[in-house]
Amino acid sequence: MSFRLSSLVARSLIRPARISPTSSSTFTAVASSAAAPAIVASHFTRRAYSTEPPAAGEKGAAAEAEQTPAEKAGEATTAEAAPAADAHAAALKEKDQQIAALQDSYRRALADAENVRQRARKEVADTKDFAITKFAKDLLSVADVLDLALKAVPEAERGANSSNPHLRDLYTGVDMTRSNLLSTFKRFNIEAYSPLDEVFDPKFHEALFQAPIPGKTPGTVFDVAKSGYKLGDRCLRPAQVGVVQDAS
């Protein structure tokens, strides 16, 4: 009897999960017998469930074990989509920078083209306005000679009371020629100017000499040897003048 009990107890310890309902009476007998209380108690103590809360690692493992394959696939897809989204955002940013650079280049090209058109229009206008510059400069000497001829006739011989009617008529003809020439100059935007008593301007005046003149402001023009001429707003020939010198 004792040998049979020992065999049953050993079999129950080695294979606890295979206890069949038919051996329940035998197991009851073993539990009620006084020979194996410690062995049975130790057996049930090993299979008792713990009441302590699981650790953090155990919780994570349990959560991972409870996840379905679909959830795991979704997490994997999300993890793969994050770098792809970052790469897409970087590509869009790079494209935006390229577009901004192209727009800036386009605007600069338009501005350069407009500047070229404006310069071309100005060059055409200048060519039209100043095409006669060389020809006009050659005619200025004619006007200078006529001025000298008029100044050579005395004041007494220029009027109706002149004692020499031939000289008077010559003076009148030269004066009319000069007036006609100046009118022609004006039609082509050429004008004469005499800067007497004006402040000396090196752009339009050429100083031939200086002299201290009492009652005159230093730096002003007190004598005009030759009149100056302008073509539009451009100096065609500067006036040849004498300038008041500072006596101090």
C-alpha atoms as a PDB file:
ATOM      1  CA  MET A   1       0.000   0.000   0.000  1.00  0.00           C
ATOM      2  CA  SER A   2       2.817   2.343   0.908  1.00  0.00           C
ATOM      3  CA  PHE A   3       4.657   1.643  -2.377  1.00  0.00           C
ATOM      4  CA  ARG A   4       1.503   2.406  -4.345  1.00  0.00           C
ATOM      5  CA  LEU A   5       1.031   5.763  -2.598  1.00  0.00           C
ATOM      6  CA  SER A   6       4.635   6.781  -3.261  1.00  0.00           C
ATOM      7  CA  SER A   7       4.260   5.981  -6.943  1.00  0.00           C
ATOM      8  CA  LEU A   8       1.098   7.986  -7.229  1.00  0.00           C
ATOM      9  CA  VAL A   9       2.612  10.995  -5.473  1.00  0.00           C
ATOM     10  CA  ALA A  10       5.688  10.934  -7.684  1.00  0.00           C
ATOM     11  CA  ARG A  11       3.570  10.711 -10.806  1.00  0.00           C
ATOM     12  CA  SER A  12       1.433  13.620  -9.648  1.00  0.00           C
ATOM     13  CA  LEU A  13       4.534  15.782  -9.037  1.00  0.00           C
ATOM     14  CA  ILE A  14       6.160  15.017 -12.363  1.00  0.00           C
ATOM     15  CA  ARG A  15       3.017  15.338 -14.505  1.00  0.00           C
ATOM     16  CA  PRO A  16       0.531  17.525 -12.633  1.00  0.00           C
ATOM     17  CA  ALA A  17      -1.354  18.599 -15.711  1.00  0.00           C
ATOM     18  CA  ARG A  18      -2.282  15.010 -16.724  1.00  0.00           C
ATOM     19  CA  ILE A  19      -4.262  14.098 -13.629  1.00  0.00           C
ATOM     20  CA  SER A  20      -7.395  12.517 -14.907  1.00  0.00           C
ATOM     21  CA  PRO A  21     -10.820  12.498 -13.281  1.00  0.00           C
ATOM     22  CA  THR A  22     -10.557   8.732 -12.738  1.00  0.00           C
ATOM     23  CA  SER A  23      -7.722   9.198 -10.271  1.00  0.00           C
ATOM     24  CA  SER A  24      -9.615  11.711  -8.113  1.00  0.00           C
ATOM     25  CA  SER A  25     -10.372   9.085  -5.497  1.00  0.00           C
ATOM     26  CA  THR A  26      -6.729   8.095  -5.309  1.00  0.00           C
ATOM     27  CA  PHE A  27      -5.641  11.738  -5.048  1.00  0.00           C
ATOM     28  CA  THR A  28      -8.211  12.253  -2.260  1.00  0.00           C
ATOM     29  CA  ALA A  29      -6.757   9.320  -0.444  1.00  0.00           C
ATOM     30  CA  VAL A  30      -3.286  10.724  -0.726  1.00  0.00           C
ATOM     31  CA  ALA A  31      -4.409  14.147   0.497  1.00  0.00           C
ATOM     32  CA  SER A  32      -6.207  12.572   3.516  1.00  0.00           C
ATOM     33  CA  SER A  33      -3.372  10.265   4.464  1.00  0.00           C
ATOM     34  CA  ALA A  34      -0.875  11.381   7.037  1.00  0.00           C
ATOM     35  CA  ALA A  35       2.139  10.155   5.025  1.00  0.00           C
ATOM     36  CA  ALA A  36       2.229  12.899   2.330  1.00  0.00           C
ATOM     37  CA  PRO A  37       0.851  16.199   3.666  1.00  0.00           C
ATOM     38  CA  ALA A  38       4.116  18.111   3.137  1.00  0.00           C
ATOM     39  CA  ILE A  39       4.601  16.918  -0.426  1.00  0.00           C
ATOM     40  CA  VAL A  40       1.029  17.839  -1.423  1.00  0.00           C
ATOM     41  CA  ALA A  41       1.297  21.231   0.271  1.00  0.00           C
ATOM     42  CA  SER A  42       4.535  21.989  -1.549  1.00  0.00           C
ATOM     43  CA  HIS A  43       2.949  20.935  -4.830  1.00  0.00           C
ATOM     44  CA  PHE A  44       0.007  23.332  -4.452  1.00  0.00           C
ATOM     45  CA  THR A  45       2.251  26.148  -3.219  1.00  0.00           C
ATOM     46  CA  ARG A  46       4.237  26.053  -6.470  1.00  0.00           C
ATOM     47  CA  ARG A  47       1.115  26.387  -8.586  1.00  0.00           C
ATOM     48  CA  ALA A  48      -0.411  29.274  -6.618  1.00  0.00           C
ATOM     49  CA  TYR A  49      -0.887  32.587  -8.506  1.00  0.00           C
ATOM     50  CA  SER A  50       0.931  35.724  -7.314  1.00  0.00           C
ATOM     51  CA  THR A  51      -1.067  38.710  -6.109  1.00  0.00           C
ATOM     52  CA  GLU A  52       1.806  41.221  -6.644  1.00  0.00           C
ATOM     53  CA  PRO A  53       1.431  43.725  -9.577  1.00  0.00           C
ATOM     54  CA  PRO A  54       3.519  42.864 -12.636  1.00  0.00           C
ATOM     55  CA  ALA A  55       6.677  44.829 -13.329  1.00  0.00           C
ATOM     56  CA  ALA A  56       6.976  47.468 -16.099  1.00  0.00           C
ATOM     57  CA  GLY A  57       8.839  45.103 -18.368  1.00  0.00           C
ATOM     58  CA  GLU A  58       6.231  42.455 -17.829  1.00  0.00           C
ATOM     59  CA  LYS A  59       3.471  44.963 -18.670  1.00  0.00           C
ATOM     60  CA  GLY A  60       5.221  45.922 -21.947  1.00  0.00           C
ATOM     61  CA  ALA A  61       5.712  42.300 -22.857  1.00  0.00           C
ATOM     62  CA  ALA A  62       2.077  41.552 -22.063  1.00  0.00           C
ATOM     63  CA  ALA A  63       0.920  44.520 -24.131  1.00  0.00           C
ATOM     64  CA  GLU A  64       3.042  43.405 -27.054  1.00  0.00           C
ATOM     65  CA  ALA A  65       1.692  39.903 -26.702  1.00  0.00           C
ATOM     66  CA  GLU A  66      -1.899  41.206 -26.708  1.00  0.00           C
ATOM     67  CA  GLN A  67      -1.395  43.238 -29.923  1.00  0.00           C
ATOM     68  CA  THR A  68      -2.948  41.856 -33.064  1.00  0.00           C
ATOM     69  CA  PRO A  69      -0.960  41.421 -36.278  1.00  0.00           C
ATOM     70  CA  ALA A  70      -2.981  44.255 -37.867  1.00  0.00           C
ATOM     71  CA  GLU A  71      -2.002  46.649 -35.062  1.00  0.00           C
ATOM     72  CA  LYS A  72       1.630  45.664 -35.347  1.00  0.00           C
ATOM     73  CA  ALA A  73       1.486  46.219 -39.128  1.00  0.00           C
ATOM     74  CA  GLY A  74      -0.111  49.661 -38.576  1.00  0.00           C
ATOM     75  CA  GLU A  75       2.641  50.692 -36.178  1.00  0.00           C
ATOM     76  CA  ALA A  76       5.282  49.518 -38.627  1.00  0.00           C
ATOM     77  CA  THR A  77       3.619  51.486 -41.430  1.00  0.00           C
ATOM     78  CA  THR A  78       3.487  54.628 -39.249  1.00  0.00           C
ATOM     79  CA  ALA A  79       7.143  54.251 -38.321  1.00  0.00           C
ATOM     80  CA  GLU A  80       8.059  53.921 -41.987  1.00  0.00           C
ATOM     81  CA  ALA A  81       5.824  56.839 -43.029  1.00  0.00           C
ATOM     82  CA  ALA A  82       7.470  59.363 -40.644  1.00  0.00           C
ATOM     83  CA  PRO A  83      10.857  59.469 -42.462  1.00  0.00           C
ATOM     84  CA  ALA A  84       9.052  59.555 -45.806  1.00  0.00           C
ATOM     85  CA  ALA A  85       7.006  62.583 -44.668  1.00  0.00           C
ATOM     86  CA  ASP A  86      10.160  64.377 -43.509  1.00  0.00           C
ATOM     87  CA  ALA A  87      11.841  63.683 -46.840  1.00  0.00           C
ATOM     88  CA  HIS A  88       8.750  64.940 -48.687  1.00  0.00           C
ATOM     89  CA  ALA A  89       8.693  68.153 -46.625  1.00  0.00           C
ATOM     90  CA  ALA A  90      12.410  68.722 -47.294  1.00  0.00           C
ATOM     91  CA  ALA A  91      11.856  68.189 -51.025  1.00  0.00           C
ATOM     92  CA  LEU A  92       8.971  70.680 -51.031  1.00  0.00           C
ATOM     93  CA  LYS A  93      11.094  73.230 -49.203  1.00  0.00           C
ATOM     94  CA  GLU A  94      13.883  72.795 -51.736  1.00  0.00           C
ATOM     95  CA  LYS A  95      11.413  73.204 -54.614  1.00  0.00           C
ATOM     96  CA  ASP A  96      10.026  76.377 -53.010  1.00  0.00           C
ATOM     97  CA  GLN A  97      13.545  77.799 -52.787  1.00  0.00           C
ATOM     98  CA  GLN A  98      14.169  76.934 -56.431  1.00  0.00           C
ATOM     99  CA  ILE A  99      10.898  78.601 -57.450  1.00  0.00           C
ATOM    100  CA  ALA A 100      11.796  81.741 -55.469  1.00  0.00           C
ATOM    101  CA  ALA A 101      15.234  81.835 -57.108  1.00  0.00           C
ATOM    102  CA  LEU A 102      13.706  81.438 -60.587  1.00  0.00           C
ATOM    103  CA  GLN A 103      11.161  84.178 -59.896  1.00  0.00           C
ATOM    104  CA  ASP A 104      13.936  86.497 -58.724  1.00  0.00           C
ATOM    105  CA  SER A 105      15.970  85.742 -61.845  1.00  0.00           C
ATOM    106  CA  TYR A 106      12.894  86.354 -63.999  1.00  0.00           C
ATOM    107  CA  ARG A 107      12.230  89.738 -62.381  1.00  0.00           C
ATOM    108  CA  ARG A 108      15.864  90.729 -62.769  1.00  0.00           C
ATOM    109  CA  ALA A 109      15.783  89.723 -66.420  1.00  0.00           C
ATOM    110  CA  LEU A 110      12.665  91.852 -66.957  1.00  0.00           C
ATOM    111  CA  ALA A 111      14.313  94.819 -65.226  1.00  0.00           C
ATOM    112  CA  ASP A 112      17.473  94.408 -67.309  1.00  0.00           C
ATOM    113  CA  ALA A 113      15.419  94.227 -70.496  1.00  0.00           C
ATOM    114  CA  GLU A 114      13.505  97.380 -69.529  1.00  0.00           C
ATOM    115  CA  ASN A 115      16.774  99.182 -68.769  1.00  0.00           C
ATOM    116  CA  VAL A 116      18.122  98.152 -72.168  1.00  0.00           C
ATOM    117  CA  ARG A 117      14.979  99.471 -73.862  1.00  0.00           C
ATOM    118  CA  GLN A 118      15.205 102.770 -71.986  1.00  0.00           C
ATOM    119  CA  ARG A 119      18.871 103.180 -72.875  1.00  0.00           C
ATOM    120  CA  ALA A 120      18.099 102.380 -76.500  1.00  0.00           C
ATOM    121  CA  ARG A 121      15.290 104.962 -76.582  1.00  0.00           C
ATOM    122  CA  LYS A 122      17.580 107.544 -74.981  1.00  0.00           C
ATOM    123  CA  GLU A 123      20.377 106.787 -77.428  1.00  0.00           C
ATOM    124  CA  VAL A 124      17.961 107.139 -80.334  1.00  0.00           C
ATOM    125  CA  ALA A 125      16.678 110.450 -78.972  1.00  0.00           C
ATOM    126  CA  ASP A 126      20.211 111.714 -78.320  1.00  0.00           C
ATOM    127  CA  THR A 127      21.274 110.668 -81.790  1.00  0.00           C
ATOM    128  CA  LYS A 128      18.336 112.543 -83.255  1.00  0.00           C
ATOM    129  CA  ASP A 129      18.854 115.629 -81.097  1.00  0.00           C
ATOM    130  CA  PHE A 130      22.634 115.830 -81.261  1.00  0.00           C
ATOM    131  CA  ALA A 131      23.275 114.495 -84.748  1.00  0.00           C
ATOM    132  CA  ILE A 132      24.043 118.018 -85.955  1.00  0.00           C
ATOM    133  CA  THR A 133      26.571 118.727 -83.208  1.00  0.00           C
ATOM    134  CA  LYS A 134      29.616 118.656 -85.459  1.00  0.00           C
ATOM    135  CA  PHE A 135      27.908 120.659 -88.197  1.00  0.00           C
ATOM    136  CA  ALA A 136      26.668 123.238 -85.690  1.00  0.00           C
ATOM    137  CA  LYS A 137      30.140 123.652 -84.192  1.00  0.00           C
ATOM    138  CA  ASP A 138      31.494 124.402 -87.650  1.00  0.00           C
ATOM    139  CA  LEU A 139      28.853 127.110 -88.145  1.00  0.00           C
ATOM    140  CA  LEU A 140      29.660 128.807 -84.846  1.00  0.00           C
ATOM    141  CA  SER A 141      32.788 130.289 -86.369  1.00  0.00           C
ATOM    142  CA  VAL A 142      30.586 131.968 -88.985  1.00  0.00           C
ATOM    143  CA  ALA A 143      28.503 133.541 -86.245  1.00  0.00           C
ATOM    144  CA  ASP A 144      31.689 134.710 -84.495  1.00  0.00           C
ATOM    145  CA  VAL A 145      32.949 136.400 -87.662  1.00  0.00           C
ATOM    146  CA  LEU A 146      29.619 138.195 -88.131  1.00  0.00           C
ATOM    147  CA  ASP A 147      29.784 139.402 -84.518  1.00  0.00           C
ATOM    148  CA  LEU A 148      33.280 140.789 -85.067  1.00  0.00           C
ATOM    149  CA  ALA A 149      32.121 142.548 -88.272  1.00  0.00           C
ATOM    150  CA  LEU A 150      29.240 144.217 -86.438  1.00  0.00           C
ATOM    151  CA  LYS A 151      31.464 145.342 -83.576  1.00  0.00           C
ATOM    152  CA  ALA A 152      33.933 146.891 -86.038  1.00  0.00           C
ATOM    153  CA  VAL A 153      31.406 149.498 -87.220  1.00  0.00           C
ATOM    154  CA  PRO A 154      31.346 152.627 -85.009  1.00  0.00           C
ATOM    155  CA  GLU A 155      28.145 153.473 -83.188  1.00  0.00           C
ATOM    156  CA  ALA A 156      27.809 156.812 -85.047  1.00  0.00           C
ATOM    157  CA  GLU A 157      27.778 155.056 -88.397  1.00  0.00           C
ATOM    158  CA  ARG A 158      25.069 152.528 -87.552  1.00  0.00           C
ATOM    159  CA  GLY A 159      22.047 154.847 -87.466  1.00  0.00           C
ATOM    160  CA  ALA A 160      20.170 157.026 -89.906  1.00  0.00           C
ATOM    161  CA  ASN A 161      22.502 159.973 -89.241  1.00  0.00           C
ATOM    162  CA  SER A 162      25.517 158.068 -90.533  1.00  0.00           C
ATOM    163  CA  SER A 163      27.926 160.082 -92.731  1.00  0.00           C
ATOM    164  CA  ASN A 164      28.708 156.948 -94.725  1.00  0.00           C
ATOM    165  CA  PRO A 165      25.487 155.394 -96.085  1.00  0.00           C
ATOM    166  CA  HIS A 166      27.383 152.515 -97.692  1.00  0.00           C
ATOM    167  CA  LEU A 167      28.901 151.493 -94.360  1.00  0.00           C
ATOM    168  CA  ARG A 168      25.491 151.833 -92.760  1.00  0.00           C
ATOM    169  CA  ASP A 169      23.913 149.586 -95.363  1.00  0.00           C
ATOM    170  CA  LEU A 170      26.733 147.061 -94.970  1.00  0.00           C
ATOM    171  CA  TYR A 171      26.182 147.012 -91.238  1.00  0.00           C
ATOM    172  CA  THR A 172      22.454 146.470 -91.723  1.00  0.00           C
ATOM    173  CA  GLY A 173      23.035 143.570 -94.140  1.00  0.00           C
ATOM    174  CA  VAL A 174      25.542 141.851 -91.823  1.00  0.00           C
ATOM    175  CA  ASP A 175      23.195 142.269 -88.866  1.00  0.00           C
ATOM    176  CA  MET A 176      20.319 140.712 -90.822  1.00  0.00           C
ATOM    177  CA  THR A 177      22.565 137.801 -91.857  1.00  0.00           C
ATOM    178  CA  ARG A 178      23.553 137.220 -88.274  1.00  0.00           C
ATOM    179  CA  SER A 179      19.917 137.376 -87.111  1.00  0.00           C
ATOM    180  CA  ASN A 180      18.878 134.897 -89.790  1.00  0.00           C
ATOM    181  CA  LEU A 181      21.669 132.503 -88.771  1.00  0.00           C
ATOM    182  CA  LEU A 182      20.653 132.684 -85.107  1.00  0.00           C
ATOM    183  CA  SER A 183      17.029 131.993 -86.070  1.00  0.00           C
ATOM    184  CA  THR A 184      18.178 128.903 -87.948  1.00  0.00           C
ATOM    185  CA  PHE A 185      20.156 127.806 -84.888  1.00  0.00           C
ATOM    186  CA  LYS A 186      17.078 128.209 -82.727  1.00  0.00           C
ATOM    187  CA  ARG A 187      14.979 125.992 -84.988  1.00  0.00           C
ATOM    188  CA  PHE A 188      17.473 123.222 -84.312  1.00  0.00           C
ATOM    189  CA  ASN A 189      17.496 123.923 -80.552  1.00  0.00           C
ATOM    190  CA  ILE A 190      20.801 125.826 -80.630  1.00  0.00           C
ATOM    191  CA  GLU A 191      20.844 128.983 -78.547  1.00  0.00           C
ATOM    192  CA  ALA A 192      23.507 131.583 -77.820  1.00  0.00           C
ATOM    193  CA  TYR A 193      24.052 132.916 -74.298  1.00  0.00           C
ATOM    194  CA  SER A 194      26.088 135.743 -72.814  1.00  0.00           C
ATOM    195  CA  PRO A 195      26.896 135.180 -69.112  1.00  0.00           C
ATOM    196  CA  LEU A 196      27.738 138.774 -68.226  1.00  0.00           C
ATOM    197  CA  ASP A 197      27.578 139.464 -64.458  1.00  0.00           C
ATOM    198  CA  GLU A 198      26.797 135.809 -63.795  1.00  0.00           C
ATOM    199  CA  VAL A 199      28.690 133.560 -61.389  1.00  0.00           C
ATOM    200  CA  PHE A 200      31.447 131.677 -63.139  1.00  0.00           C
ATOM    201  CA  ASP A 201      30.371 128.121 -64.071  1.00  0.00           C
ATOM    202  CA  PRO A 202      33.155 125.882 -65.404  1.00  0.00           C
ATOM    203  CA  LYS A 203      30.582 123.761 -67.264  1.00  0.00           C
ATOM    204  CA  PHE A 204      29.481 126.635 -69.492  1.00  0.00           C
ATOM    205  CA  HIS A 205      32.245 129.243 -69.114  1.00  0.00           C
ATOM    206  CA  GLU A 206      35.872 129.320 -70.179  1.00  0.00           C
ATOM    207  CA  ALA A 207      37.975 131.835 -68.215  1.00  0.00           C
ATOM    208  CA  LEU A 208      40.457 133.648 -70.435  1.00  0.00           C
ATOM    209  CA  PHE A 209      41.761 136.034 -67.785  1.00  0.00           C
ATOM    210  CA  GLN A 210      41.160 137.406 -64.281  1.00  0.00           C
ATOM    211  CA  ALA A 211      41.315 140.956 -62.990  1.00  0.00           C
ATOM    212  CA  PRO A 212      40.339 142.744 -59.765  1.00  0.00           C
ATOM    213  CA  ILE A 213      37.381 145.016 -60.560  1.00  0.00           C
ATOM    214  CA  PRO A 214      36.192 147.467 -57.875  1.00  0.00           C
ATOM    215  CA  GLY A 215      32.498 147.141 -57.129  1.00  0.00           C
ATOM    216  CA  LYS A 216      32.291 143.656 -58.681  1.00  0.00           C
ATOM    217  CA  THR A 217      31.794 140.428 -56.757  1.00  0.00           C
ATOM    218  CA  PRO A 218      34.816 138.141 -57.018  1.00  0.00           C
ATOM    219  CA  GLY A 219      34.089 135.039 -59.102  1.00  0.00           C
ATOM    220  CA  THR A 220      31.607 136.744 -61.422  1.00  0.00           C
ATOM    221  CA  VAL A 221      31.929 137.395 -65.161  1.00  0.00           C
ATOM    222  CA  PHE A 222      32.728 141.016 -66.089  1.00  0.00           C
ATOM    223  CA  ASP A 223      33.611 140.572 -69.773  1.00  0.00           C
ATOM    224  CA  VAL A 224      32.454 138.241 -72.583  1.00  0.00           C
ATOM    225  CA  ALA A 225      34.954 137.779 -75.392  1.00  0.00           C
ATOM    226  CA  LYS A 226      32.876 135.148 -77.237  1.00  0.00           C
ATOM    227  CA  SER A 227      29.305 134.128 -76.675  1.00  0.00           C
ATOM    228  CA  GLY A 228      28.562 130.572 -75.669  1.00  0.00           C
ATOM    229  CA  TYR A 229      26.168 128.168 -77.371  1.00  0.00           C
ATOM    230  CA  LYS A 230      23.962 125.354 -76.059  1.00  0.00           C
ATOM    231  CA  LEU A 231      22.454 122.451 -77.941  1.00  0.00           C
ATOM    232  CA  GLY A 232      19.443 121.597 -75.819  1.00  0.00           C
ATOM    233  CA  ASP A 233      20.762 121.330 -72.276  1.00  0.00           C
ATOM    234  CA  ARG A 234      24.238 120.370 -73.481  1.00  0.00           C
ATOM    235  CA  CYS A 235      27.031 122.875 -73.811  1.00  0.00           C
ATOM    236  CA  LEU A 236      27.963 123.131 -77.477  1.00  0.00           C
ATOM    237  CA  ARG A 237      30.707 125.698 -76.844  1.00  0.00           C
ATOM    238  CA  PRO A 238      31.550 127.458 -73.582  1.00  0.00           C
ATOM    239  CA  ALA A 239      31.546 131.221 -73.463  1.00  0.00           C
ATOM    240  CA  GLN A 240      35.007 132.811 -73.307  1.00  0.00           C
ATOM    241  CA  VAL A 241      34.910 135.260 -70.420  1.00  0.00           C
ATOM    242  CA  GLY A 242      36.933 137.382 -68.012  1.00  0.00           C
ATOM    243  CA  VAL A 243      36.390 136.716 -64.313  1.00  0.00           C
ATOM    244  CA  VAL A 244      36.605 139.132 -61.386  1.00  0.00           C
ATOM    245  CA  GLN A 245      39.579 138.344 -59.198  1.00  0.00           C
ATOM    246  CA  ASP A 246      39.553 138.601 -55.433  1.00  0.00           C
ATOM    247  CA  ALA A 247      41.773 141.588 -54.566  1.00  0.00           C
ATOM    248  CA  SER A 248      42.501 140.280 -51.056  1.00  0.00           C
END
